[in-house]
Amino acid sequence: MLVGTLGITGLLAATTARPVPVADEIRTKRLVVVDGQGRDRVLLGEDLFRGIGLRVLDASGTLRVVLGVKHLVGDTPYLALIDQSPGWVRFSVELADDGSPSLELFSPVVRDKPLLDGGGPNVARAQLSLGADGSPVLYLRDQNRTPRVVLGRMNLTVTEIDTSNLREIREIGKLQTPVSSLRIYDHDGKVLFKAP
């Protein structure tokens, strides 16, 4: 009996001491991590609207964090934090095609429903960015996307977007102000103050 017990113990020790094989590579189109209740919590893969990335959901299944490379306009890296209801982006950090960084703070619900449910996007009310030349700019906008205060170099490129596949079609125009400028606008977009 003692010999049998020692033999089983030795056999168990020999089987558990072996290292678990590790794959050199795992290839998949989508990876889903679930919590203890089987609910999706982390998604890694491609999304038609946002591109490739990591999406983190809360316990109710609401998308709360996105880290990825978006296809909407160019292949640019970004991070977005999303409110719980109704699922609006409230904070984002991204790099433009030219490598210039931008940080945006979004207003709460402005449209009747989120973009992915057929509504319009919410408005970036405050944006701090650096131009390709390194010059900083701060934009403060009203709920209609009208710039109200611009501090620094305003360097805007207006583009036309193909809504069927969410890709940039062409550049429509550019607007640029001096590097050290301050512009204050009324609700109609008319200049109230500018220096220089």
N, C-alpha and C. Protein backbone atom coordinates (compact mmCIF):
# COMPACT_ATOMS: atom_id res chain seq x y z
N MET A 1 0.83 -1.18 0.00
CA MET A 1 0.00 0.00 0.00
C MET A 1 0.87 1.24 0.00
N LEU A 2 1.90 1.25 0.85
CA LEU A 2 2.81 2.38 0.90
C LEU A 2 3.55 2.54 -0.42
N VAL A 3 3.93 1.42 -1.01
CA VAL A 3 4.63 1.46 -2.30
C VAL A 3 3.69 2.00 -3.37
N GLY A 4 2.42 1.59 -3.37
CA GLY A 4 1.44 2.09 -4.34
C GLY A 4 1.20 3.57 -4.20
N THR A 5 1.11 4.05 -2.95
CA THR A 5 0.91 5.47 -2.69
C THR A 5 2.11 6.28 -3.16
N LEU A 6 3.31 5.78 -2.87
CA LEU A 6 4.52 6.47 -3.32
C LEU A 6 4.60 6.49 -4.84
N GLY A 7 4.19 5.37 -5.46
CA GLY A 7 4.20 5.29 -6.93
C GLY A 7 3.25 6.29 -7.55
N ILE A 8 2.04 6.41 -7.01
CA ILE A 8 1.04 7.38 -7.53
C ILE A 8 1.53 8.80 -7.30
N THR A 9 2.08 9.06 -6.11
CA THR A 9 2.62 10.39 -5.80
C THR A 9 3.74 10.74 -6.76
N GLY A 10 4.64 9.78 -7.02
CA GLY A 10 5.74 10.01 -7.96
C GLY A 10 5.23 10.26 -9.36
N LEU A 11 4.19 9.53 -9.78
CA LEU A 11 3.62 9.69 -11.11
C LEU A 11 2.96 11.07 -11.24
N LEU A 12 2.23 11.48 -10.22
CA LEU A 12 1.60 12.80 -10.23
C LEU A 12 2.66 13.90 -10.26
N ALA A 13 3.71 13.74 -9.49
CA ALA A 13 4.78 14.74 -9.46
C ALA A 13 5.44 14.84 -10.83
N ALA A 14 5.63 13.71 -11.48
CA ALA A 14 6.27 13.69 -12.80
C ALA A 14 5.39 14.36 -13.84
N THR A 15 4.06 14.17 -13.76
CA THR A 15 3.17 14.77 -14.77
C THR A 15 2.97 16.26 -14.53
N THR A 16 2.98 16.71 -13.28
CA THR A 16 2.78 18.13 -13.02
C THR A 16 4.06 18.93 -13.16
N ALA A 17 5.19 18.29 -13.12
CA ALA A 17 6.46 19.00 -13.23
C ALA A 17 6.80 19.38 -14.67
N ARG A 18 6.11 18.76 -15.63
CA ARG A 18 6.39 19.07 -17.03
C ARG A 18 5.90 20.49 -17.37
N PRO A 19 6.71 21.24 -18.11
CA PRO A 19 6.25 22.58 -18.50
C PRO A 19 5.10 22.49 -19.51
N VAL A 20 4.18 23.42 -19.38
CA VAL A 20 3.05 23.50 -20.30
C VAL A 20 3.56 24.07 -21.62
N PRO A 21 3.23 23.46 -22.74
CA PRO A 21 3.73 23.98 -24.02
C PRO A 21 3.20 25.39 -24.27
N VAL A 22 4.06 26.23 -24.81
CA VAL A 22 3.70 27.62 -25.12
C VAL A 22 3.78 27.80 -26.62
N ALA A 23 2.72 28.34 -27.21
CA ALA A 23 2.70 28.57 -28.65
C ALA A 23 3.56 29.78 -28.98
N ASP A 24 4.26 29.71 -30.08
CA ASP A 24 5.06 30.84 -30.53
C ASP A 24 4.18 31.95 -31.10
N GLU A 25 3.02 31.59 -31.61
CA GLU A 25 2.15 32.57 -32.25
C GLU A 25 0.72 32.08 -32.22
N ILE A 26 -0.19 33.00 -31.98
CA ILE A 26 -1.63 32.71 -32.06
C ILE A 26 -2.20 33.69 -33.07
N ARG A 27 -2.89 33.20 -34.07
CA ARG A 27 -3.47 34.06 -35.10
C ARG A 27 -4.98 33.92 -35.05
N THR A 28 -5.65 35.07 -34.95
CA THR A 28 -7.10 35.08 -34.95
C THR A 28 -7.57 36.44 -35.45
N LYS A 29 -8.79 36.52 -35.92
CA LYS A 29 -9.34 37.80 -36.37
C LYS A 29 -9.94 38.58 -35.21
N ARG A 30 -10.35 37.86 -34.18
CA ARG A 30 -10.98 38.52 -33.04
C ARG A 30 -10.76 37.70 -31.78
N LEU A 31 -10.43 38.37 -30.69
CA LEU A 31 -10.23 37.72 -29.40
C LEU A 31 -11.20 38.37 -28.42
N VAL A 32 -11.94 37.56 -27.68
CA VAL A 32 -12.90 38.05 -26.71
C VAL A 32 -12.53 37.49 -25.34
N VAL A 33 -12.39 38.37 -24.35
CA VAL A 33 -12.14 37.97 -22.97
C VAL A 33 -13.45 38.17 -22.20
N VAL A 34 -13.87 37.15 -21.47
CA VAL A 34 -15.12 37.22 -20.72
C VAL A 34 -14.84 37.23 -19.22
N ASP A 35 -15.81 37.73 -18.45
CA ASP A 35 -15.66 37.72 -16.99
C ASP A 35 -16.18 36.41 -16.43
N GLY A 36 -16.24 36.31 -15.11
CA GLY A 36 -16.67 35.08 -14.44
C GLY A 36 -18.10 34.67 -14.75
N GLN A 37 -18.92 35.61 -15.19
CA GLN A 37 -20.31 35.32 -15.54
C GLN A 37 -20.49 35.07 -17.05
N GLY A 38 -19.38 35.07 -17.80
CA GLY A 38 -19.45 34.80 -19.24
C GLY A 38 -19.76 36.02 -20.09
N ARG A 39 -19.77 37.22 -19.51
CA ARG A 39 -20.05 38.44 -20.27
C ARG A 39 -18.79 38.94 -20.95
N ASP A 40 -18.93 39.39 -22.20
CA ASP A 40 -17.80 39.99 -22.91
C ASP A 40 -17.31 41.20 -22.15
N ARG A 41 -15.99 41.29 -21.92
CA ARG A 41 -15.42 42.43 -21.22
C ARG A 41 -14.31 43.10 -22.01
N VAL A 42 -13.55 42.33 -22.81
CA VAL A 42 -12.47 42.89 -23.62
C VAL A 42 -12.56 42.27 -25.01
N LEU A 43 -12.54 43.13 -26.02
CA LEU A 43 -12.58 42.68 -27.41
C LEU A 43 -11.32 43.18 -28.10
N LEU A 44 -10.66 42.31 -28.80
CA LEU A 44 -9.48 42.68 -29.56
C LEU A 44 -9.73 42.24 -30.99
N GLY A 45 -9.75 43.21 -31.91
CA GLY A 45 -10.02 42.87 -33.29
C GLY A 45 -10.41 44.09 -34.10
N GLU A 46 -11.03 43.85 -35.25
CA GLU A 46 -11.39 44.92 -36.16
C GLU A 46 -12.85 45.31 -35.99
N ASP A 47 -13.10 46.61 -36.18
CA ASP A 47 -14.43 47.18 -36.09
C ASP A 47 -14.61 48.06 -37.32
N LEU A 48 -15.72 47.96 -38.01
CA LEU A 48 -15.95 48.69 -39.26
C LEU A 48 -15.77 50.19 -39.11
N PHE A 49 -16.28 50.78 -38.03
CA PHE A 49 -16.25 52.23 -37.87
C PHE A 49 -14.94 52.75 -37.30
N ARG A 50 -14.35 52.01 -36.36
CA ARG A 50 -13.20 52.55 -35.64
C ARG A 50 -11.86 51.96 -36.07
N GLY A 51 -11.86 50.88 -36.82
CA GLY A 51 -10.60 50.27 -37.22
C GLY A 51 -10.22 49.12 -36.31
N ILE A 52 -8.93 48.88 -36.20
CA ILE A 52 -8.42 47.77 -35.39
C ILE A 52 -8.12 48.27 -33.99
N GLY A 53 -8.42 47.47 -32.96
CA GLY A 53 -8.12 47.96 -31.63
C GLY A 53 -8.59 47.07 -30.51
N LEU A 54 -8.40 47.60 -29.33
CA LEU A 54 -8.79 46.97 -28.08
C LEU A 54 -9.98 47.74 -27.53
N ARG A 55 -11.06 47.04 -27.22
CA ARG A 55 -12.26 47.67 -26.68
C ARG A 55 -12.57 47.04 -25.33
N VAL A 56 -12.80 47.88 -24.33
CA VAL A 56 -13.10 47.40 -22.98
C VAL A 56 -14.54 47.75 -22.66
N LEU A 57 -15.31 46.75 -22.22
CA LEU A 57 -16.72 46.94 -21.88
C LEU A 57 -16.91 46.85 -20.38
N ASP A 58 -17.92 47.56 -19.87
CA ASP A 58 -18.23 47.44 -18.45
C ASP A 58 -19.11 46.21 -18.22
N ALA A 59 -19.54 46.00 -16.98
CA ALA A 59 -20.30 44.80 -16.63
C ALA A 59 -21.64 44.73 -17.36
N SER A 60 -22.18 45.90 -17.78
CA SER A 60 -23.46 45.90 -18.50
C SER A 60 -23.28 45.68 -20.00
N GLY A 61 -22.04 45.59 -20.47
CA GLY A 61 -21.78 45.39 -21.89
C GLY A 61 -21.60 46.68 -22.67
N THR A 62 -21.55 47.81 -21.97
CA THR A 62 -21.37 49.11 -22.62
C THR A 62 -19.90 49.35 -22.91
N LEU A 63 -19.59 49.77 -24.12
CA LEU A 63 -18.23 50.10 -24.51
C LEU A 63 -17.78 51.32 -23.72
N ARG A 64 -16.62 51.22 -23.03
CA ARG A 64 -16.15 52.32 -22.18
C ARG A 64 -14.79 52.84 -22.58
N VAL A 65 -13.90 51.99 -23.12
CA VAL A 65 -12.55 52.40 -23.50
C VAL A 65 -12.21 51.79 -24.85
N VAL A 66 -11.62 52.61 -25.72
CA VAL A 66 -11.16 52.11 -27.02
C VAL A 66 -9.72 52.57 -27.19
N LEU A 67 -8.85 51.64 -27.54
CA LEU A 67 -7.46 51.93 -27.85
C LEU A 67 -7.18 51.25 -29.17
N GLY A 68 -6.82 52.04 -30.18
CA GLY A 68 -6.62 51.40 -31.47
C GLY A 68 -6.06 52.29 -32.54
N VAL A 69 -6.22 51.83 -33.76
CA VAL A 69 -5.84 52.58 -34.95
C VAL A 69 -7.11 52.69 -35.78
N LYS A 70 -7.59 53.92 -35.96
CA LYS A 70 -8.88 54.09 -36.64
C LYS A 70 -8.72 54.27 -38.14
N HIS A 71 -9.74 53.82 -38.87
CA HIS A 71 -9.74 53.90 -40.32
C HIS A 71 -10.51 55.12 -40.82
N LEU A 72 -11.22 55.81 -39.96
CA LEU A 72 -12.13 56.88 -40.37
C LEU A 72 -11.45 57.89 -41.29
N VAL A 73 -10.34 58.46 -40.86
CA VAL A 73 -9.56 59.37 -41.70
C VAL A 73 -8.10 58.99 -41.50
N GLY A 74 -7.55 58.24 -42.43
CA GLY A 74 -6.17 57.77 -42.28
C GLY A 74 -6.10 56.65 -41.25
N ASP A 75 -4.94 56.11 -41.06
CA ASP A 75 -4.74 55.08 -40.04
C ASP A 75 -4.01 55.71 -38.88
N THR A 76 -4.77 56.34 -37.98
CA THR A 76 -4.18 57.09 -36.88
C THR A 76 -4.45 56.41 -35.55
N PRO A 77 -3.45 56.38 -34.65
CA PRO A 77 -3.66 55.79 -33.33
C PRO A 77 -4.50 56.72 -32.44
N TYR A 78 -5.29 56.13 -31.56
CA TYR A 78 -6.13 56.95 -30.68
C TYR A 78 -6.54 56.16 -29.43
N LEU A 79 -6.95 56.94 -28.43
CA LEU A 79 -7.51 56.42 -27.19
C LEU A 79 -8.78 57.20 -26.92
N ALA A 80 -9.87 56.52 -26.62
CA ALA A 80 -11.14 57.19 -26.33
C ALA A 80 -11.74 56.62 -25.05
N LEU A 81 -12.26 57.53 -24.21
CA LEU A 81 -13.00 57.15 -23.01
C LEU A 81 -14.46 57.51 -23.27
N ILE A 82 -15.36 56.60 -22.95
CA ILE A 82 -16.76 56.71 -23.35
C ILE A 82 -17.64 56.68 -22.10
N ASP A 83 -18.67 57.57 -22.07
CA ASP A 83 -19.56 57.56 -20.91
C ASP A 83 -20.48 56.35 -20.96
N GLN A 84 -21.11 56.06 -19.83
CA GLN A 84 -21.91 54.84 -19.73
C GLN A 84 -23.22 54.93 -20.49
N SER A 85 -23.86 56.06 -20.42
CA SER A 85 -25.14 56.20 -21.11
C SER A 85 -25.21 57.59 -21.70
N PRO A 86 -25.42 57.72 -22.97
CA PRO A 86 -25.79 56.73 -23.97
C PRO A 86 -24.62 56.20 -24.79
N GLY A 87 -23.41 56.28 -24.31
CA GLY A 87 -22.28 55.72 -25.04
C GLY A 87 -21.55 56.73 -25.90
N TRP A 88 -21.42 57.96 -25.42
CA TRP A 88 -20.73 59.01 -26.16
C TRP A 88 -19.26 59.07 -25.78
N VAL A 89 -18.41 59.35 -26.77
CA VAL A 89 -17.00 59.61 -26.48
C VAL A 89 -16.95 60.92 -25.70
N ARG A 90 -16.24 60.94 -24.57
CA ARG A 90 -16.13 62.16 -23.76
C ARG A 90 -14.70 62.68 -23.73
N PHE A 91 -13.70 61.82 -24.00
CA PHE A 91 -12.30 62.20 -23.96
C PHE A 91 -11.57 61.39 -25.01
N SER A 92 -10.69 62.04 -25.78
CA SER A 92 -9.90 61.27 -26.73
C SER A 92 -8.52 61.89 -26.90
N VAL A 93 -7.57 61.05 -27.20
CA VAL A 93 -6.22 61.46 -27.53
C VAL A 93 -5.88 60.74 -28.83
N GLU A 94 -5.34 61.48 -29.79
CA GLU A 94 -4.99 60.82 -31.04
C GLU A 94 -3.85 61.54 -31.73
N LEU A 95 -3.28 60.88 -32.71
CA LEU A 95 -2.25 61.47 -33.55
C LEU A 95 -2.82 61.64 -34.95
N ALA A 96 -2.56 62.80 -35.55
CA ALA A 96 -2.98 63.05 -36.93
C ALA A 96 -2.04 62.31 -37.88
N ASP A 97 -2.38 62.32 -39.16
CA ASP A 97 -1.54 61.66 -40.17
C ASP A 97 -0.12 62.20 -40.16
N ASP A 98 0.04 63.49 -39.83
CA ASP A 98 1.38 64.10 -39.82
C ASP A 98 2.12 63.88 -38.50
N GLY A 99 1.50 63.15 -37.56
CA GLY A 99 2.13 62.85 -36.29
C GLY A 99 1.84 63.85 -35.19
N SER A 100 1.09 64.90 -35.48
CA SER A 100 0.80 65.89 -34.45
C SER A 100 -0.29 65.38 -33.50
N PRO A 101 -0.05 65.52 -32.17
CA PRO A 101 -1.00 65.01 -31.17
C PRO A 101 -2.16 65.96 -30.93
N SER A 102 -3.27 65.39 -30.47
CA SER A 102 -4.46 66.17 -30.16
C SER A 102 -5.18 65.53 -28.98
N LEU A 103 -5.64 66.35 -28.05
CA LEU A 103 -6.44 65.91 -26.90
C LEU A 103 -7.77 66.62 -27.00
N GLU A 104 -8.87 65.87 -26.92
CA GLU A 104 -10.20 66.48 -27.05
C GLU A 104 -11.11 66.09 -25.89
N LEU A 105 -11.89 67.07 -25.44
CA LEU A 105 -12.93 66.86 -24.43
C LEU A 105 -14.27 67.11 -25.11
N PHE A 106 -15.18 66.15 -24.99
CA PHE A 106 -16.45 66.23 -25.70
C PHE A 106 -17.58 66.59 -24.75
N SER A 107 -18.58 67.26 -25.31
CA SER A 107 -19.76 67.62 -24.54
C SER A 107 -20.61 66.38 -24.29
N PRO A 108 -21.54 66.48 -23.33
CA PRO A 108 -22.48 65.38 -23.17
C PRO A 108 -23.41 65.35 -24.39
N VAL A 109 -24.45 64.58 -24.32
CA VAL A 109 -25.33 64.35 -25.47
C VAL A 109 -25.78 65.67 -26.10
N VAL A 110 -25.52 65.78 -27.39
CA VAL A 110 -25.97 66.94 -28.16
C VAL A 110 -26.95 66.46 -29.22
N ARG A 111 -26.69 65.33 -29.78
CA ARG A 111 -27.58 64.75 -30.78
C ARG A 111 -28.56 63.81 -30.08
N ASP A 112 -29.56 63.36 -30.84
CA ASP A 112 -30.59 62.52 -30.24
C ASP A 112 -30.13 61.10 -29.94
N LYS A 113 -29.10 60.61 -30.64
CA LYS A 113 -28.59 59.26 -30.37
C LYS A 113 -27.15 59.16 -30.83
N PRO A 114 -26.38 58.20 -30.31
CA PRO A 114 -24.97 58.07 -30.67
C PRO A 114 -24.78 57.77 -32.16
N LEU A 115 -23.59 58.07 -32.65
CA LEU A 115 -23.22 57.90 -34.05
C LEU A 115 -23.47 56.48 -34.54
N LEU A 116 -23.09 55.47 -33.75
CA LEU A 116 -23.24 54.09 -34.19
C LEU A 116 -24.69 53.64 -34.22
N ASP A 117 -25.59 54.44 -33.63
CA ASP A 117 -27.03 54.15 -33.69
C ASP A 117 -27.72 55.04 -34.71
N GLY A 118 -26.95 55.66 -35.59
CA GLY A 118 -27.52 56.48 -36.65
C GLY A 118 -27.58 57.97 -36.34
N GLY A 119 -27.11 58.38 -35.19
CA GLY A 119 -27.11 59.81 -34.84
C GLY A 119 -25.83 60.49 -35.27
N GLY A 120 -25.75 61.78 -35.04
CA GLY A 120 -24.55 62.53 -35.36
C GLY A 120 -23.55 62.42 -34.23
N PRO A 121 -22.28 62.71 -34.49
CA PRO A 121 -21.27 62.64 -33.43
C PRO A 121 -21.45 63.76 -32.42
N ASN A 122 -21.03 63.52 -31.17
CA ASN A 122 -21.06 64.60 -30.20
C ASN A 122 -19.91 65.56 -30.50
N VAL A 123 -19.93 66.71 -29.86
CA VAL A 123 -19.05 67.81 -30.23
C VAL A 123 -17.82 67.87 -29.34
N ALA A 124 -16.63 67.99 -29.96
CA ALA A 124 -15.41 68.23 -29.20
C ALA A 124 -15.45 69.70 -28.78
N ARG A 125 -15.74 69.95 -27.51
CA ARG A 125 -15.91 71.32 -27.03
C ARG A 125 -14.57 71.97 -26.71
N ALA A 126 -13.58 71.19 -26.31
CA ALA A 126 -12.24 71.72 -26.04
C ALA A 126 -11.23 70.81 -26.72
N GLN A 127 -10.27 71.41 -27.40
CA GLN A 127 -9.25 70.64 -28.09
C GLN A 127 -7.91 71.33 -27.92
N LEU A 128 -6.93 70.57 -27.45
CA LEU A 128 -5.57 71.06 -27.33
C LEU A 128 -4.72 70.21 -28.25
N SER A 129 -4.01 70.85 -29.16
CA SER A 129 -3.20 70.08 -30.10
C SER A 129 -1.92 70.83 -30.44
N LEU A 130 -1.01 70.07 -31.04
CA LEU A 130 0.23 70.64 -31.56
C LEU A 130 0.22 70.44 -33.06
N GLY A 131 0.58 71.51 -33.79
CA GLY A 131 0.66 71.39 -35.23
C GLY A 131 1.90 70.60 -35.62
N ALA A 132 2.00 70.29 -36.91
CA ALA A 132 3.15 69.54 -37.40
C ALA A 132 4.45 70.29 -37.14
N ASP A 133 4.36 71.64 -37.06
CA ASP A 133 5.55 72.46 -36.78
C ASP A 133 5.81 72.61 -35.29
N GLY A 134 4.98 71.98 -34.44
CA GLY A 134 5.17 72.05 -32.99
C GLY A 134 4.44 73.19 -32.31
N SER A 135 3.73 74.02 -33.07
CA SER A 135 3.02 75.15 -32.45
C SER A 135 1.72 74.68 -31.79
N PRO A 136 1.49 75.09 -30.53
CA PRO A 136 0.29 74.65 -29.81
C PRO A 136 -0.94 75.48 -30.20
N VAL A 137 -2.10 74.87 -30.04
CA VAL A 137 -3.36 75.59 -30.27
C VAL A 137 -4.43 75.01 -29.34
N LEU A 138 -5.25 75.91 -28.83
CA LEU A 138 -6.37 75.53 -27.98
C LEU A 138 -7.65 76.03 -28.64
N TYR A 139 -8.59 75.13 -28.89
CA TYR A 139 -9.89 75.47 -29.45
C TYR A 139 -10.95 75.28 -28.37
N LEU A 140 -11.86 76.24 -28.25
CA LEU A 140 -13.05 76.09 -27.42
C LEU A 140 -14.24 76.31 -28.35
N ARG A 141 -15.15 75.32 -28.42
CA ARG A 141 -16.27 75.38 -29.36
C ARG A 141 -17.59 75.33 -28.62
N ASP A 142 -18.64 75.85 -29.27
CA ASP A 142 -19.98 75.74 -28.69
C ASP A 142 -20.61 74.42 -29.14
N GLN A 143 -21.84 74.17 -28.73
CA GLN A 143 -22.50 72.90 -29.02
C GLN A 143 -22.78 72.69 -30.51
N ASN A 144 -22.67 73.76 -31.32
CA ASN A 144 -22.89 73.65 -32.76
C ASN A 144 -21.59 73.50 -33.54
N ARG A 145 -20.50 73.22 -32.85
CA ARG A 145 -19.16 73.07 -33.43
C ARG A 145 -18.53 74.38 -33.86
N THR A 146 -19.17 75.51 -33.58
CA THR A 146 -18.62 76.80 -33.95
C THR A 146 -17.48 77.16 -33.01
N PRO A 147 -16.27 77.47 -33.55
CA PRO A 147 -15.20 77.91 -32.66
C PRO A 147 -15.61 79.20 -31.96
N ARG A 148 -15.41 79.26 -30.65
CA ARG A 148 -15.71 80.48 -29.88
C ARG A 148 -14.44 81.16 -29.43
N VAL A 149 -13.41 80.37 -29.09
CA VAL A 149 -12.10 80.90 -28.71
C VAL A 149 -11.04 80.01 -29.35
N VAL A 150 -10.06 80.65 -29.98
CA VAL A 150 -8.92 79.94 -30.53
C VAL A 150 -7.67 80.66 -30.05
N LEU A 151 -6.82 79.94 -29.33
CA LEU A 151 -5.58 80.50 -28.81
C LEU A 151 -4.43 79.72 -29.42
N GLY A 152 -3.55 80.43 -30.13
CA GLY A 152 -2.44 79.77 -30.80
C GLY A 152 -2.67 79.76 -32.29
N ARG A 153 -1.99 78.88 -32.96
CA ARG A 153 -2.10 78.81 -34.42
C ARG A 153 -3.28 77.94 -34.83
N MET A 154 -4.23 78.55 -35.52
CA MET A 154 -5.34 77.79 -36.06
C MET A 154 -4.91 77.31 -37.44
N ASN A 155 -4.85 76.01 -37.60
CA ASN A 155 -4.40 75.42 -38.84
C ASN A 155 -5.36 74.29 -39.18
N LEU A 156 -6.46 74.62 -39.82
CA LEU A 156 -7.50 73.65 -40.08
C LEU A 156 -7.46 73.18 -41.53
N THR A 157 -7.64 71.89 -41.72
CA THR A 157 -7.82 71.33 -43.05
C THR A 157 -9.22 70.76 -43.09
N VAL A 158 -10.03 71.24 -44.01
CA VAL A 158 -11.40 70.78 -44.15
C VAL A 158 -11.41 69.68 -45.21
N THR A 159 -11.96 68.51 -44.84
CA THR A 159 -11.98 67.38 -45.76
C THR A 159 -13.40 66.89 -45.99
N GLU A 160 -13.61 66.30 -47.13
CA GLU A 160 -14.89 65.69 -47.45
C GLU A 160 -14.77 64.20 -47.14
N ILE A 161 -15.79 63.64 -46.47
CA ILE A 161 -15.78 62.24 -46.06
C ILE A 161 -16.84 61.48 -46.85
N ASP A 162 -16.47 60.32 -47.38
CA ASP A 162 -17.41 59.41 -48.03
C ASP A 162 -18.09 58.62 -46.92
N THR A 163 -19.38 58.88 -46.68
CA THR A 163 -20.08 58.24 -45.56
C THR A 163 -20.39 56.77 -45.80
N SER A 164 -20.32 56.31 -47.04
CA SER A 164 -20.63 54.90 -47.29
C SER A 164 -19.53 53.98 -46.75
N ASN A 165 -18.26 54.43 -46.82
CA ASN A 165 -17.19 53.60 -46.26
C ASN A 165 -16.33 54.35 -45.26
N LEU A 166 -16.79 55.54 -44.85
CA LEU A 166 -16.13 56.36 -43.84
C LEU A 166 -14.65 56.60 -44.16
N ARG A 167 -14.37 57.00 -45.36
CA ARG A 167 -13.01 57.31 -45.80
C ARG A 167 -12.96 58.75 -46.30
N GLU A 168 -11.78 59.35 -46.15
CA GLU A 168 -11.55 60.70 -46.64
C GLU A 168 -11.54 60.70 -48.16
N ILE A 169 -12.28 61.63 -48.78
CA ILE A 169 -12.33 61.71 -50.23
C ILE A 169 -11.30 62.72 -50.75
N ARG A 170 -11.43 63.97 -50.25
CA ARG A 170 -10.52 65.01 -50.74
C ARG A 170 -10.47 66.15 -49.75
N GLU A 171 -9.41 66.95 -49.90
CA GLU A 171 -9.26 68.15 -49.09
C GLU A 171 -10.06 69.27 -49.75
N ILE A 172 -10.86 69.98 -48.95
CA ILE A 172 -11.68 71.06 -49.49
C ILE A 172 -10.98 72.41 -49.35
N GLY A 173 -10.31 72.64 -48.22
CA GLY A 173 -9.64 73.92 -48.03
C GLY A 173 -8.83 73.95 -46.76
N LYS A 174 -8.10 75.06 -46.55
CA LYS A 174 -7.27 75.26 -45.37
C LYS A 174 -7.53 76.64 -44.79
N LEU A 175 -7.36 76.77 -43.47
CA LEU A 175 -7.46 78.04 -42.76
C LEU A 175 -6.31 78.09 -41.79
N GLN A 176 -5.52 79.19 -41.83
CA GLN A 176 -4.36 79.28 -40.95
C GLN A 176 -4.26 80.70 -40.38
N THR A 177 -3.91 80.79 -39.09
CA THR A 177 -3.70 82.09 -38.43
C THR A 177 -2.25 82.15 -37.97
N PRO A 178 -1.78 83.34 -37.56
CA PRO A 178 -0.41 83.45 -37.04
C PRO A 178 -0.20 82.56 -35.83
N VAL A 179 1.08 82.22 -35.55
CA VAL A 179 1.41 81.30 -34.45
C VAL A 179 0.89 81.81 -33.11
N SER A 180 1.14 83.04 -32.77
CA SER A 180 0.70 83.57 -31.47
C SER A 180 -0.50 84.49 -31.69
N SER A 181 -1.68 83.87 -31.74
CA SER A 181 -2.89 84.66 -31.96
C SER A 181 -3.97 84.26 -30.99
N LEU A 182 -4.91 85.16 -30.78
CA LEU A 182 -6.09 84.91 -29.97
C LEU A 182 -7.28 85.39 -30.77
N ARG A 183 -8.24 84.52 -30.96
CA ARG A 183 -9.47 84.86 -31.69
C ARG A 183 -10.65 84.51 -30.80
N ILE A 184 -11.61 85.44 -30.69
CA ILE A 184 -12.84 85.20 -29.96
C ILE A 184 -13.99 85.45 -30.93
N TYR A 185 -14.91 84.50 -31.01
CA TYR A 185 -16.00 84.54 -31.98
C TYR A 185 -17.35 84.58 -31.27
N ASP A 186 -18.37 85.15 -31.94
CA ASP A 186 -19.72 85.10 -31.40
C ASP A 186 -20.38 83.79 -31.85
N HIS A 187 -21.66 83.62 -31.48
CA HIS A 187 -22.35 82.36 -31.79
C HIS A 187 -22.56 82.14 -33.28
N ASP A 188 -22.44 83.19 -34.10
CA ASP A 188 -22.56 83.05 -35.56
C ASP A 188 -21.21 82.85 -36.24
N GLY A 189 -20.12 82.84 -35.46
CA GLY A 189 -18.80 82.66 -36.03
C GLY A 189 -18.13 83.95 -36.45
N LYS A 190 -18.73 85.10 -36.13
CA LYS A 190 -18.12 86.39 -36.47
C LYS A 190 -17.06 86.73 -35.43
N VAL A 191 -15.95 87.30 -35.88
CA VAL A 191 -14.84 87.64 -34.99
C VAL A 191 -15.23 88.81 -34.09
N LEU A 192 -15.18 88.61 -32.77
CA LEU A 192 -15.42 89.68 -31.80
C LEU A 192 -14.11 90.34 -31.40
N PHE A 193 -13.04 89.53 -31.34
CA PHE A 193 -11.73 90.05 -30.94
C PHE A 193 -10.65 89.18 -31.58
N LYS A 194 -9.57 89.86 -32.01
CA LYS A 194 -8.43 89.09 -32.50
C LYS A 194 -7.15 89.86 -32.22
N ALA A 195 -6.14 89.14 -31.88
CA ALA A 195 -4.80 89.72 -31.65
C ALA A 195 -3.77 88.67 -31.99
N PRO A 196 -2.82 88.87 -32.81
CA PRO A 196 -2.71 90.05 -33.68
C PRO A 196 -3.70 89.95 -34.82
